[in-house]
Amino acid sequence: MNKVTIAVISAVVIVAIVVIVFFAKPAEKYSIFLDPFIDQQPLVTNTHVTVQNTGSEPLTNVRVDYGDGSKPDIIPVLHPGEKEILSPPPNSNLQQVTVTTDEGISITKPYRSAPKMVGMMGS
């Protein structure tokens, strides 16, 4: 091999190492994604709450609390990558959702809504 070939191979290896170090993020052991969603239309309100295990280990007793004393949903085990889409009970206040787990995760998020666009229902 000549010096140019060795330099090119070395550069490719260095770039590959830099990409791996900066962009390859190992999954956290315990992590959760929470997305409470509300779509308010003139005649009906559609809501759902997405809960997904984004960690590398199972989560146990995932408690989804909708507030205002409404009955929480409890997911006994949520495996890595697994996703549950839940419907809040009718008496919940639709302000925010809190999720807790046996592993110490506690996250609270307000409901998000889709942006209203001209010509779309409800805009």
PDB file of N, CA and C in Angstrom:
ATOM      1  N   MET A   1       0.843  -1.190   0.000  1.00  0.00           N
ATOM      2  CA  MET A   1       0.000   0.000   0.000  1.00  0.00           C
ATOM      3  C   MET A   1       0.882   1.245   0.000  1.00  0.00           C
ATOM      4  N   ASN A   2       0.426   2.226  -0.719  1.00  0.00           N
ATOM      5  CA  ASN A   2       1.195   3.469  -0.741  1.00  0.00           C
ATOM      6  C   ASN A   2       0.704   4.405   0.365  1.00  0.00           C
ATOM      7  N   LYS A   3       1.398   5.513   0.548  1.00  0.00           N
ATOM      8  CA  LYS A   3       1.094   6.454   1.629  1.00  0.00           C
ATOM      9  C   LYS A   3      -0.291   7.085   1.489  1.00  0.00           C
ATOM     10  N   VAL A   4      -0.730   7.326   0.258  1.00  0.00           N
ATOM     11  CA  VAL A   4      -2.048   7.928   0.037  1.00  0.00           C
ATOM     12  C   VAL A   4      -3.152   6.980   0.483  1.00  0.00           C
ATOM     13  N   THR A   5      -3.026   5.709   0.136  1.00  0.00           N
ATOM     14  CA  THR A   5      -4.024   4.712   0.524  1.00  0.00           C
ATOM     15  C   THR A   5      -4.086   4.576   2.041  1.00  0.00           C
ATOM     16  N   ILE A   6      -2.948   4.548   2.681  1.00  0.00           N
ATOM     17  CA  ILE A   6      -2.910   4.441   4.141  1.00  0.00           C
ATOM     18  C   ILE A   6      -3.543   5.685   4.773  1.00  0.00           C
ATOM     19  N   ALA A   7      -3.277   6.854   4.222  1.00  0.00           N
ATOM     20  CA  ALA A   7      -3.857   8.096   4.752  1.00  0.00           C
ATOM     21  C   ALA A   7      -5.373   8.103   4.595  1.00  0.00           C
ATOM     22  N   VAL A   8      -5.878   7.632   3.461  1.00  0.00           N
ATOM     23  CA  VAL A   8      -7.324   7.588   3.233  1.00  0.00           C
ATOM     24  C   VAL A   8      -7.986   6.613   4.201  1.00  0.00           C
ATOM     25  N   ILE A   9      -7.392   5.436   4.346  1.00  0.00           N
ATOM     26  CA  ILE A   9      -7.946   4.436   5.280  1.00  0.00           C
ATOM     27  C   ILE A   9      -7.931   4.984   6.702  1.00  0.00           C
ATOM     28  N   SER A  10      -6.849   5.635   7.088  1.00  0.00           N
ATOM     29  CA  SER A  10      -6.750   6.216   8.432  1.00  0.00           C
ATOM     30  C   SER A  10      -7.819   7.284   8.646  1.00  0.00           C
ATOM     31  N   ALA A  11      -8.030   8.119   7.641  1.00  0.00           N
ATOM     32  CA  ALA A  11      -9.044   9.173   7.754  1.00  0.00           C
ATOM     33  C   ALA A  11     -10.434   8.587   7.901  1.00  0.00           C
ATOM     34  N   VAL A  12     -10.736   7.542   7.138  1.00  0.00           N
ATOM     35  CA  VAL A  12     -12.047   6.883   7.225  1.00  0.00           C
ATOM     36  C   VAL A  12     -12.245   6.282   8.611  1.00  0.00           C
ATOM     37  N   VAL A  13     -11.223   5.640   9.135  1.00  0.00           N
ATOM     38  CA  VAL A  13     -11.318   5.038  10.468  1.00  0.00           C
ATOM     39  C   VAL A  13     -11.530   6.116  11.529  1.00  0.00           C
ATOM     40  N   ILE A  14     -10.806   7.212  11.426  1.00  0.00           N
ATOM     41  CA  ILE A  14     -10.952   8.301  12.400  1.00  0.00           C
ATOM     42  C   ILE A  14     -12.353   8.896  12.337  1.00  0.00           C
ATOM     43  N   VAL A  15     -12.879   9.131  11.138  1.00  0.00           N
ATOM     44  CA  VAL A  15     -14.230   9.660  10.986  1.00  0.00           C
ATOM     45  C   VAL A  15     -15.251   8.682  11.568  1.00  0.00           C
ATOM     46  N   ALA A  16     -15.085   7.399  11.317  1.00  0.00           N
ATOM     47  CA  ALA A  16     -16.005   6.386  11.856  1.00  0.00           C
ATOM     48  C   ALA A  16     -15.986   6.392  13.379  1.00  0.00           C
ATOM     49  N   ILE A  17     -14.817   6.497  13.963  1.00  0.00           N
ATOM     50  CA  ILE A  17     -14.707   6.519  15.429  1.00  0.00           C
ATOM     51  C   ILE A  17     -15.384   7.766  15.993  1.00  0.00           C
ATOM     52  N   VAL A  18     -15.168   8.913  15.362  1.00  0.00           N
ATOM     53  CA  VAL A  18     -15.793  10.154  15.824  1.00  0.00           C
ATOM     54  C   VAL A  18     -17.312  10.056  15.744  1.00  0.00           C
ATOM     55  N   VAL A  19     -17.824   9.523  14.656  1.00  0.00           N
ATOM     56  CA  VAL A  19     -19.271   9.367  14.492  1.00  0.00           C
ATOM     57  C   VAL A  19     -19.823   8.444  15.571  1.00  0.00           C
ATOM     58  N   ILE A  20     -19.173   7.348  15.818  1.00  0.00           N
ATOM     59  CA  ILE A  20     -19.644   6.390  16.833  1.00  0.00           C
ATOM     60  C   ILE A  20     -19.629   7.023  18.217  1.00  0.00           C
ATOM     61  N   VAL A  21     -18.560   7.714  18.556  1.00  0.00           N
ATOM     62  CA  VAL A  21     -18.439   8.307  19.893  1.00  0.00           C
ATOM     63  C   VAL A  21     -19.474   9.401  20.120  1.00  0.00           C
ATOM     64  N   PHE A  22     -19.701  10.262  19.131  1.00  0.00           N
ATOM     65  CA  PHE A  22     -20.599  11.397  19.331  1.00  0.00           C
ATOM     66  C   PHE A  22     -22.066  11.100  19.077  1.00  0.00           C
ATOM     67  N   PHE A  23     -22.373  10.133  18.237  1.00  0.00           N
ATOM     68  CA  PHE A  23     -23.766   9.909  17.869  1.00  0.00           C
ATOM     69  C   PHE A  23     -24.358   8.629  18.426  1.00  0.00           C
ATOM     70  N   ALA A  24     -23.552   7.690  18.825  1.00  0.00           N
ATOM     71  CA  ALA A  24     -24.072   6.436  19.362  1.00  0.00           C
ATOM     72  C   ALA A  24     -24.265   6.609  20.861  1.00  0.00           C
ATOM     73  N   LYS A  25     -25.496   6.871  21.258  1.00  0.00           N
ATOM     74  CA  LYS A  25     -25.821   7.079  22.663  1.00  0.00           C
ATOM     75  C   LYS A  25     -26.412   5.789  23.212  1.00  0.00           C
ATOM     76  N   PRO A  26     -25.777   5.210  24.217  1.00  0.00           N
ATOM     77  CA  PRO A  26     -26.355   3.989  24.771  1.00  0.00           C
ATOM     78  C   PRO A  26     -27.699   4.286  25.434  1.00  0.00           C
ATOM     79  N   ALA A  27     -28.621   3.351  25.321  1.00  0.00           N
ATOM     80  CA  ALA A  27     -29.944   3.534  25.916  1.00  0.00           C
ATOM     81  C   ALA A  27     -29.810   3.588  27.436  1.00  0.00           C
ATOM     82  N   GLU A  28     -30.566   4.482  28.040  1.00  0.00           N
ATOM     83  CA  GLU A  28     -30.597   4.534  29.495  1.00  0.00           C
ATOM     84  C   GLU A  28     -31.276   3.271  30.005  1.00  0.00           C
ATOM     85  N   LYS A  29     -30.916   2.872  31.192  1.00  0.00           N
ATOM     86  CA  LYS A  29     -31.494   1.656  31.763  1.00  0.00           C
ATOM     87  C   LYS A  29     -33.004   1.819  31.940  1.00  0.00           C
ATOM     88  N   TYR A  30     -33.417   2.938  32.549  1.00  0.00           N
ATOM     89  CA  TYR A  30     -34.838   3.203  32.769  1.00  0.00           C
ATOM     90  C   TYR A  30     -35.188   4.560  32.173  1.00  0.00           C
ATOM     91  N   SER A  31     -36.058   4.547  31.190  1.00  0.00           N
ATOM     92  CA  SER A  31     -36.454   5.776  30.519  1.00  0.00           C
ATOM     93  C   SER A  31     -37.855   5.586  29.942  1.00  0.00           C
ATOM     94  N   ILE A  32     -38.608   6.676  29.903  1.00  0.00           N
ATOM     95  CA  ILE A  32     -39.992   6.573  29.425  1.00  0.00           C
ATOM     96  C   ILE A  32     -40.335   7.782  28.552  1.00  0.00           C
ATOM     97  N   PHE A  33     -41.157   7.546  27.547  1.00  0.00           N
ATOM     98  CA  PHE A  33     -41.683   8.609  26.686  1.00  0.00           C
ATOM     99  C   PHE A  33     -43.151   8.774  27.037  1.00  0.00           C
ATOM    100  N   LEU A  34     -43.576  10.008  27.273  1.00  0.00           N
ATOM    101  CA  LEU A  34     -44.960  10.299  27.633  1.00  0.00           C
ATOM    102  C   LEU A  34     -45.486  11.377  26.702  1.00  0.00           C
ATOM    103  N   ASP A  35     -46.651  11.127  26.087  1.00  0.00           N
ATOM    104  CA  ASP A  35     -47.251  12.101  25.173  1.00  0.00           C
ATOM    105  C   ASP A  35     -48.761  12.165  25.393  1.00  0.00           C
ATOM    106  N   PRO A  36     -49.218  13.066  26.291  1.00  0.00           N
ATOM    107  CA  PRO A  36     -50.656  13.289  26.439  1.00  0.00           C
ATOM    108  C   PRO A  36     -51.138  14.201  25.304  1.00  0.00           C
ATOM    109  N   PHE A  37     -52.162  13.789  24.586  1.00  0.00           N
ATOM    110  CA  PHE A  37     -52.633  14.528  23.406  1.00  0.00           C
ATOM    111  C   PHE A  37     -54.124  14.826  23.531  1.00  0.00           C
ATOM    112  N   ILE A  38     -54.497  16.054  23.170  1.00  0.00           N
ATOM    113  CA  ILE A  38     -55.909  16.445  23.188  1.00  0.00           C
ATOM    114  C   ILE A  38     -56.236  17.148  21.869  1.00  0.00           C
ATOM    115  N   ASP A  39     -57.375  16.799  21.300  1.00  0.00           N
ATOM    116  CA  ASP A  39     -57.852  17.434  20.071  1.00  0.00           C
ATOM    117  C   ASP A  39     -59.277  17.892  20.337  1.00  0.00           C
ATOM    118  N   GLN A  40     -59.436  19.191  20.568  1.00  0.00           N
ATOM    119  CA  GLN A  40     -60.756  19.740  20.889  1.00  0.00           C
ATOM    120  C   GLN A  40     -61.439  20.241  19.626  1.00  0.00           C
ATOM    121  N   GLN A  41     -62.561  19.641  19.323  1.00  0.00           N
ATOM    122  CA  GLN A  41     -63.391  20.028  18.188  1.00  0.00           C
ATOM    123  C   GLN A  41     -64.665  20.678  18.740  1.00  0.00           C
ATOM    124  N   PRO A  42     -65.439  21.359  17.903  1.00  0.00           N
ATOM    125  CA  PRO A  42     -66.653  22.007  18.409  1.00  0.00           C
ATOM    126  C   PRO A  42     -67.630  21.048  19.101  1.00  0.00           C
ATOM    127  N   LEU A  43     -67.760  19.833  18.623  1.00  0.00           N
ATOM    128  CA  LEU A  43     -68.746  18.918  19.193  1.00  0.00           C
ATOM    129  C   LEU A  43     -68.144  17.782  20.017  1.00  0.00           C
ATOM    130  N   VAL A  44     -66.861  17.548  19.905  1.00  0.00           N
ATOM    131  CA  VAL A  44     -66.250  16.403  20.591  1.00  0.00           C
ATOM    132  C   VAL A  44     -64.793  16.720  20.937  1.00  0.00           C
ATOM    133  N   THR A  45     -64.320  16.100  22.002  1.00  0.00           N
ATOM    134  CA  THR A  45     -62.912  16.218  22.386  1.00  0.00           C
ATOM    135  C   THR A  45     -62.303  14.829  22.360  1.00  0.00           C
ATOM    136  N   ASN A  46     -61.260  14.657  21.562  1.00  0.00           N
ATOM    137  CA  ASN A  46     -60.551  13.376  21.481  1.00  0.00           C
ATOM    138  C   ASN A  46     -59.255  13.488  22.266  1.00  0.00           C
ATOM    139  N   THR A  47     -59.014  12.499  23.111  1.00  0.00           N
ATOM    140  CA  THR A  47     -57.777  12.493  23.895  1.00  0.00           C
ATOM    141  C   THR A  47     -57.171  11.096  23.899  1.00  0.00           C
ATOM    142  N   HIS A  48     -55.865  11.047  24.014  1.00  0.00           N
ATOM    143  CA  HIS A  48     -55.169   9.790  24.276  1.00  0.00           C
ATOM    144  C   HIS A  48     -53.825  10.110  24.916  1.00  0.00           C
ATOM    145  N   VAL A  49     -53.296   9.121  25.597  1.00  0.00           N
ATOM    146  CA  VAL A  49     -52.005   9.262  26.262  1.00  0.00           C
ATOM    147  C   VAL A  49     -51.132   8.103  25.800  1.00  0.00           C
ATOM    148  N   THR A  50     -49.983   8.433  25.217  1.00  0.00           N
ATOM    149  CA  THR A  50     -49.039   7.418  24.770  1.00  0.00           C
ATOM    150  C   THR A  50     -47.928   7.303  25.808  1.00  0.00           C
ATOM    151  N   VAL A  51     -47.662   6.061  26.229  1.00  0.00           N
ATOM    152  CA  VAL A  51     -46.592   5.771  27.171  1.00  0.00           C
ATOM    153  C   VAL A  51     -45.716   4.703  26.526  1.00  0.00           C
ATOM    154  N   GLN A  52     -44.405   4.984  26.401  1.00  0.00           N
ATOM    155  CA  GLN A  52     -43.500   4.014  25.782  1.00  0.00           C
ATOM    156  C   GLN A  52     -42.238   3.876  26.616  1.00  0.00           C
ATOM    157  N   ASN A  53     -41.803   2.624  26.787  1.00  0.00           N
ATOM    158  CA  ASN A  53     -40.553   2.348  27.481  1.00  0.00           C
ATOM    159  C   ASN A  53     -39.413   2.571  26.490  1.00  0.00           C
ATOM    160  N   THR A  54     -38.629   3.624  26.693  1.00  0.00           N
ATOM    161  CA  THR A  54     -37.503   3.926  25.819  1.00  0.00           C
ATOM    162  C   THR A  54     -36.175   3.510  26.439  1.00  0.00           C
ATOM    163  N   GLY A  55     -36.228   2.802  27.556  1.00  0.00           N
ATOM    164  CA  GLY A  55     -35.013   2.317  28.212  1.00  0.00           C
ATOM    165  C   GLY A  55     -34.644   0.921  27.754  1.00  0.00           C
ATOM    166  N   SER A  56     -33.602   0.383  28.366  1.00  0.00           N
ATOM    167  CA  SER A  56     -33.115  -0.951  27.998  1.00  0.00           C
ATOM    168  C   SER A  56     -33.615  -2.049  28.930  1.00  0.00           C
ATOM    169  N   GLU A  57     -34.326  -1.685  29.992  1.00  0.00           N
ATOM    170  CA  GLU A  57     -34.844  -2.653  30.967  1.00  0.00           C
ATOM    171  C   GLU A  57     -36.366  -2.500  31.102  1.00  0.00           C
ATOM    172  N   PRO A  58     -37.055  -3.578  31.510  1.00  0.00           N
ATOM    173  CA  PRO A  58     -38.506  -3.477  31.729  1.00  0.00           C
ATOM    174  C   PRO A  58     -38.833  -2.512  32.865  1.00  0.00           C
ATOM    175  N   LEU A  59     -40.001  -1.882  32.755  1.00  0.00           N
ATOM    176  CA  LEU A  59     -40.519  -1.020  33.811  1.00  0.00           C
ATOM    177  C   LEU A  59     -41.699  -1.728  34.455  1.00  0.00           C
ATOM    178  N   THR A  60     -41.807  -1.649  35.778  1.00  0.00           N
ATOM    179  CA  THR A  60     -42.891  -2.344  36.476  1.00  0.00           C
ATOM    180  C   THR A  60     -43.812  -1.346  37.169  1.00  0.00           C
ATOM    181  N   ASN A  61     -45.065  -1.751  37.252  1.00  0.00           N
ATOM    182  CA  ASN A  61     -46.117  -0.946  37.883  1.00  0.00           C
ATOM    183  C   ASN A  61     -46.085   0.502  37.384  1.00  0.00           C
ATOM    184  N   VAL A  62     -46.233   0.638  36.079  1.00  0.00           N
ATOM    185  CA  VAL A  62     -46.273   1.959  35.450  1.00  0.00           C
ATOM    186  C   VAL A  62     -47.654   2.542  35.751  1.00  0.00           C
ATOM    187  N   ARG A  63     -47.670   3.589  36.539  1.00  0.00           N
ATOM    188  CA  ARG A  63     -48.919   4.197  37.000  1.00  0.00           C
ATOM    189  C   ARG A  63     -49.147   5.494  36.221  1.00  0.00           C
ATOM    190  N   VAL A  64     -50.269   5.551  35.503  1.00  0.00           N
ATOM    191  CA  VAL A  64     -50.618   6.719  34.700  1.00  0.00           C
ATOM    192  C   VAL A  64     -51.750   7.442  35.419  1.00  0.00           C
ATOM    193  N   ASP A  65     -51.428   8.599  36.010  1.00  0.00           N
ATOM    194  CA  ASP A  65     -52.372   9.357  36.826  1.00  0.00           C
ATOM    195  C   ASP A  65     -52.855  10.570  36.031  1.00  0.00           C
ATOM    196  N   TYR A  66     -54.161  10.653  35.851  1.00  0.00           N
ATOM    197  CA  TYR A  66     -54.770  11.719  35.047  1.00  0.00           C
ATOM    198  C   TYR A  66     -55.180  12.931  35.878  1.00  0.00           C
ATOM    199  N   GLY A  67     -55.033  12.874  37.184  1.00  0.00           N
ATOM    200  CA  GLY A  67     -55.371  14.005  38.057  1.00  0.00           C
ATOM    201  C   GLY A  67     -56.824  14.018  38.471  1.00  0.00           C
ATOM    202  N   ASP A  68     -57.163  14.964  39.335  1.00  0.00           N
ATOM    203  CA  ASP A  68     -58.528  15.184  39.836  1.00  0.00           C
ATOM    204  C   ASP A  68     -59.144  13.954  40.487  1.00  0.00           C
ATOM    205  N   GLY A  69     -58.340  13.100  41.056  1.00  0.00           N
ATOM    206  CA  GLY A  69     -58.869  11.932  41.755  1.00  0.00           C
ATOM    207  C   GLY A  69     -59.433  10.854  40.848  1.00  0.00           C
ATOM    208  N   SER A  70     -59.240  10.973  39.540  1.00  0.00           N
ATOM    209  CA  SER A  70     -59.728   9.927  38.640  1.00  0.00           C
ATOM    210  C   SER A  70     -58.869   8.675  38.807  1.00  0.00           C
ATOM    211  N   LYS A  71     -59.449   7.544  38.483  1.00  0.00           N
ATOM    212  CA  LYS A  71     -58.762   6.264  38.658  1.00  0.00           C
ATOM    213  C   LYS A  71     -57.568   6.181  37.694  1.00  0.00           C
ATOM    214  N   PRO A  72     -56.358   5.919  38.231  1.00  0.00           N
ATOM    215  CA  PRO A  72     -55.187   5.810  37.350  1.00  0.00           C
ATOM    216  C   PRO A  72     -55.187   4.475  36.608  1.00  0.00           C
ATOM    217  N   ASP A  73     -54.520   4.453  35.479  1.00  0.00           N
ATOM    218  CA  ASP A  73     -54.262   3.191  34.786  1.00  0.00           C
ATOM    219  C   ASP A  73     -52.939   2.654  35.310  1.00  0.00           C
ATOM    220  N   ILE A  74     -52.865   1.344  35.478  1.00  0.00           N
ATOM    221  CA  ILE A  74     -51.623   0.717  35.928  1.00  0.00           C
ATOM    222  C   ILE A  74     -51.235  -0.352  34.917  1.00  0.00           C
ATOM    223  N   ILE A  75     -50.029  -0.225  34.387  1.00  0.00           N
ATOM    224  CA  ILE A  75     -49.484  -1.204  33.459  1.00  0.00           C
ATOM    225  C   ILE A  75     -48.501  -2.048  34.267  1.00  0.00           C
ATOM    226  N   PRO A  76     -48.801  -3.344  34.498  1.00  0.00           N
ATOM    227  CA  PRO A  76     -47.938  -4.162  35.361  1.00  0.00           C
ATOM    228  C   PRO A  76     -46.479  -4.218  34.884  1.00  0.00           C
ATOM    229  N   VAL A  77     -46.261  -4.447  33.589  1.00  0.00           N
ATOM    230  CA  VAL A  77     -44.901  -4.496  33.037  1.00  0.00           C
ATOM    231  C   VAL A  77     -44.919  -3.848  31.657  1.00  0.00           C
ATOM    232  N   LEU A  78     -43.959  -2.974  31.422  1.00  0.00           N
ATOM    233  CA  LEU A  78     -43.793  -2.347  30.119  1.00  0.00           C
ATOM    234  C   LEU A  78     -42.365  -2.675  29.665  1.00  0.00           C
ATOM    235  N   HIS A  79     -42.261  -3.546  28.669  1.00  0.00           N
ATOM    236  CA  HIS A  79     -40.965  -4.021  28.194  1.00  0.00           C
ATOM    237  C   HIS A  79     -40.286  -2.977  27.313  1.00  0.00           C
ATOM    238  N   PRO A  80     -38.954  -3.051  27.168  1.00  0.00           N
ATOM    239  CA  PRO A  80     -38.239  -2.088  26.320  1.00  0.00           C
ATOM    240  C   PRO A  80     -38.847  -2.008  24.919  1.00  0.00           C
ATOM    241  N   GLY A  81     -39.116  -0.792  24.470  1.00  0.00           N
ATOM    242  CA  GLY A  81     -39.705  -0.568  23.152  1.00  0.00           C
ATOM    243  C   GLY A  81     -41.219  -0.680  23.120  1.00  0.00           C
ATOM    244  N   GLU A  82     -41.809  -1.269  24.139  1.00  0.00           N
ATOM    245  CA  GLU A  82     -43.264  -1.466  24.163  1.00  0.00           C
ATOM    246  C   GLU A  82     -43.976  -0.129  24.386  1.00  0.00           C
ATOM    247  N   LYS A  83     -45.124   0.015  23.707  1.00  0.00           N
ATOM    248  CA  LYS A  83     -45.901   1.260  23.765  1.00  0.00           C
ATOM    249  C   LYS A  83     -47.349   0.927  24.104  1.00  0.00           C
ATOM    250  N   GLU A  84     -47.945   1.739  24.962  1.00  0.00           N
ATOM    251  CA  GLU A  84     -49.363   1.633  25.297  1.00  0.00           C
ATOM    252  C   GLU A  84     -50.026   2.971  24.971  1.00  0.00           C
ATOM    253  N   ILE A  85     -51.198   2.903  24.344  1.00  0.00           N
ATOM    254  CA  ILE A  85     -51.983   4.106  24.072  1.00  0.00           C
ATOM    255  C   ILE A  85     -53.257   3.989  24.897  1.00  0.00           C
ATOM    256  N   LEU A  86     -53.424   4.924  25.813  1.00  0.00           N
ATOM    257  CA  LEU A  86     -54.511   4.871  26.785  1.00  0.00           C
ATOM    258  C   LEU A  86     -55.494   6.025  26.580  1.00  0.00           C
ATOM    259  N   SER A  87     -56.713   5.817  27.057  1.00  0.00           N
ATOM    260  CA  SER A  87     -57.734   6.866  27.025  1.00  0.00           C
ATOM    261  C   SER A  87     -57.990   7.335  28.448  1.00  0.00           C
ATOM    262  N   PRO A  88     -57.877   8.637  28.699  1.00  0.00           N
ATOM    263  CA  PRO A  88     -58.177   9.146  30.044  1.00  0.00           C
ATOM    264  C   PRO A  88     -59.635   8.894  30.398  1.00  0.00           C
ATOM    265  N   PRO A  89     -59.931   8.682  31.679  1.00  0.00           N
ATOM    266  CA  PRO A  89     -61.327   8.488  32.090  1.00  0.00           C
ATOM    267  C   PRO A  89     -62.133   9.768  31.879  1.00  0.00           C
ATOM    268  N   PRO A  90     -63.452   9.637  31.732  1.00  0.00           N
ATOM    269  CA  PRO A  90     -64.307  10.795  31.433  1.00  0.00           C
ATOM    270  C   PRO A  90     -64.224  11.926  32.456  1.00  0.00           C
ATOM    271  N   ASN A  91     -63.937  11.639  33.718  1.00  0.00           N
ATOM    272  CA  ASN A  91     -63.951  12.687  34.737  1.00  0.00           C
ATOM    273  C   ASN A  91     -62.589  13.345  34.956  1.00  0.00           C
ATOM    274  N   SER A  92     -61.593  13.040  34.132  1.00  0.00           N
ATOM    275  CA  SER A  92     -60.278  13.666  34.330  1.00  0.00           C
ATOM    276  C   SER A  92     -60.301  15.103  33.820  1.00  0.00           C
ATOM    277  N   ASN A  93     -59.417  15.941  34.390  1.00  0.00           N
ATOM    278  CA  ASN A  93     -59.452  17.370  34.073  1.00  0.00           C
ATOM    279  C   ASN A  93     -58.735  17.739  32.766  1.00  0.00           C
ATOM    280  N   LEU A  94     -58.043  16.814  32.156  1.00  0.00           N
ATOM    281  CA  LEU A  94     -57.347  17.011  30.871  1.00  0.00           C
ATOM    282  C   LEU A  94     -56.365  18.182  30.915  1.00  0.00           C
ATOM    283  N   GLN A  95     -55.706  18.340  32.054  1.00  0.00           N
ATOM    284  CA  GLN A  95     -54.687  19.377  32.200  1.00  0.00           C
ATOM    285  C   GLN A  95     -53.283  18.801  32.038  1.00  0.00           C
ATOM    286  N   GLN A  96     -53.014  17.710  32.781  1.00  0.00           N
ATOM    287  CA  GLN A  96     -51.694  17.090  32.740  1.00  0.00           C
ATOM    288  C   GLN A  96     -51.795  15.637  33.150  1.00  0.00           C
ATOM    289  N   VAL A  97     -50.732  14.892  32.850  1.00  0.00           N
ATOM    290  CA  VAL A  97     -50.654  13.469  33.188  1.00  0.00           C
ATOM    291  C   VAL A  97     -49.337  13.232  33.918  1.00  0.00           C
ATOM    292  N   THR A  98     -49.379  12.422  34.970  1.00  0.00           N
ATOM    293  CA  THR A  98     -48.172  12.050  35.703  1.00  0.00           C
ATOM    294  C   THR A  98     -47.986  10.546  35.605  1.00  0.00           C
ATOM    295  N   VAL A  99     -46.768  10.128  35.255  1.00  0.00           N
ATOM    296  CA  VAL A  99     -46.433   8.708  35.177  1.00  0.00           C
ATOM    297  C   VAL A  99     -45.325   8.424  36.183  1.00  0.00           C
ATOM    298  N   THR A 100     -45.524   7.363  36.984  1.00  0.00           N
ATOM    299  CA  THR A 100     -44.504   6.917  37.932  1.00  0.00           C
ATOM    300  C   THR A 100     -44.292   5.415  37.751  1.00  0.00           C
ATOM    301  N   THR A 101     -43.105   4.946  38.146  1.00  0.00           N
ATOM    302  CA  THR A 101     -42.791   3.517  38.056  1.00  0.00           C
ATOM    303  C   THR A 101     -42.073   3.065  39.324  1.00  0.00           C
ATOM    304  N   ASP A 102     -42.019   1.753  39.515  1.00  0.00           N
ATOM    305  CA  ASP A 102     -41.275   1.190  40.653  1.00  0.00           C
ATOM    306  C   ASP A 102     -39.787   1.514  40.583  1.00  0.00           C
ATOM    307  N   GLU A 103     -39.295   1.803  39.380  1.00  0.00           N
ATOM    308  CA  GLU A 103     -37.870   2.056  39.189  1.00  0.00           C
ATOM    309  C   GLU A 103     -37.476   3.500  39.503  1.00  0.00           C
ATOM    310  N   GLY A 104     -38.432   4.316  39.945  1.00  0.00           N
ATOM    311  CA  GLY A 104     -38.130   5.682  40.364  1.00  0.00           C
ATOM    312  C   GLY A 104     -38.398   6.752  39.322  1.00  0.00           C
ATOM    313  N   ILE A 105     -38.965   6.381  38.197  1.00  0.00           N
ATOM    314  CA  ILE A 105     -39.301   7.388  37.194  1.00  0.00           C
ATOM    315  C   ILE A 105     -40.554   8.131  37.639  1.00  0.00           C
ATOM    316  N   SER A 106     -40.522   9.439  37.501  1.00  0.00           N
ATOM    317  CA  SER A 106     -41.692  10.278  37.768  1.00  0.00           C
ATOM    318  C   SER A 106     -41.641  11.419  36.770  1.00  0.00           C
ATOM    319  N   ILE A 107     -42.637  11.470  35.897  1.00  0.00           N
ATOM    320  CA  ILE A 107     -42.673  12.500  34.860  1.00  0.00           C
ATOM    321  C   ILE A 107     -44.092  13.043  34.759  1.00  0.00           C
ATOM    322  N   THR A 108     -44.200  14.358  34.660  1.00  0.00           N
ATOM    323  CA  THR A 108     -45.493  15.026  34.507  1.00  0.00           C
ATOM    324  C   THR A 108     -45.440  15.886  33.254  1.00  0.00           C
ATOM    325  N   LYS A 109     -46.457  15.750  32.407  1.00  0.00           N
ATOM    326  CA  LYS A 109     -46.519  16.554  31.180  1.00  0.00           C
ATOM    327  C   LYS A 109     -47.938  17.073  30.982  1.00  0.00           C
ATOM    328  N   PRO A 110     -48.045  18.308  30.496  1.00  0.00           N
ATOM    329  CA  PRO A 110     -49.372  18.824  30.135  1.00  0.00           C
ATOM    330  C   PRO A 110     -49.816  18.221  28.806  1.00  0.00           C
ATOM    331  N   TYR A 111     -51.101  18.254  28.555  1.00  0.00           N
ATOM    332  CA  TYR A 111     -51.622  17.793  27.270  1.00  0.00           C
ATOM    333  C   TYR A 111     -51.142  18.735  26.171  1.00  0.00           C
ATOM    334  N   ARG A 112     -50.788  18.176  25.055  1.00  0.00           N
ATOM    335  CA  ARG A 112     -50.442  18.999  23.892  1.00  0.00           C
ATOM    336  C   ARG A 112     -51.583  18.871  22.896  1.00  0.00           C
ATOM    337  N   SER A 113     -51.726  19.888  22.061  1.00  0.00           N
ATOM    338  CA  SER A 113     -52.767  19.832  21.041  1.00  0.00           C
ATOM    339  C   SER A 113     -52.143  20.118  19.687  1.00  0.00           C
ATOM    340  N   ALA A 114     -52.783  19.610  18.662  1.00  0.00           N
ATOM    341  CA  ALA A 114     -52.309  19.837  17.293  1.00  0.00           C
ATOM    342  C   ALA A 114     -52.553  21.284  16.918  1.00  0.00           C
ATOM    343  N   PRO A 115     -51.660  21.868  16.150  1.00  0.00           N
ATOM    344  CA  PRO A 115     -51.904  23.250  15.720  1.00  0.00           C
ATOM    345  C   PRO A 115     -53.130  23.317  14.801  1.00  0.00           C
ATOM    346  N   LYS A 116     -53.890  24.374  14.942  1.00  0.00           N
ATOM    347  CA  LYS A 116     -55.071  24.578  14.097  1.00  0.00           C
ATOM    348  C   LYS A 116     -54.632  25.189  12.765  1.00  0.00           C
ATOM    349  N   MET A 117     -55.134  24.616  11.679  1.00  0.00           N
ATOM    350  CA  MET A 117     -54.785  25.111  10.356  1.00  0.00           C
ATOM    351  C   MET A 117     -56.052  25.530   9.611  1.00  0.00           C
ATOM    352  N   VAL A 118     -55.930  26.547   8.806  1.00  0.00           N
ATOM    353  CA  VAL A 118     -57.050  27.057   8.038  1.00  0.00           C
ATOM    354  C   VAL A 118     -57.607  25.934   7.142  1.00  0.00           C
ATOM    355  N   GLY A 119     -58.923  25.785   7.185  1.00  0.00           N
ATOM    356  CA  GLY A 119     -59.562  24.768   6.363  1.00  0.00           C
ATOM    357  C   GLY A 119     -59.708  23.427   7.045  1.00  0.00           C
ATOM    358  N   MET A 120     -59.089  23.253   8.206  1.00  0.00           N
ATOM    359  CA  MET A 120     -59.187  21.993   8.937  1.00  0.00           C
ATOM    360  C   MET A 120     -60.361  22.077   9.917  1.00  0.00           C
ATOM    361  N   MET A 121     -60.898  20.915  10.274  1.00  0.00           N
ATOM    362  CA  MET A 121     -61.985  20.875  11.248  1.00  0.00           C
ATOM    363  C   MET A 121     -61.533  21.513  12.554  1.00  0.00           C
ATOM    364  N   GLY A 122     -62.346  22.310  13.163  1.00  0.00           N
ATOM    365  CA  GLY A 122     -62.046  22.903  14.463  1.00  0.00           C
ATOM    366  C   GLY A 122     -61.208  24.171  14.402  1.00  0.00           C
ATOM    367  N   SER A 123     -60.806  24.601  13.203  1.00  0.00           N
ATOM    368  CA  SER A 123     -59.962  25.809  13.143  1.00  0.00           C
ATOM    369  C   SER A 123     -60.808  27.057  12.990  1.00  0.00           C
TER     370      SER A 123
END
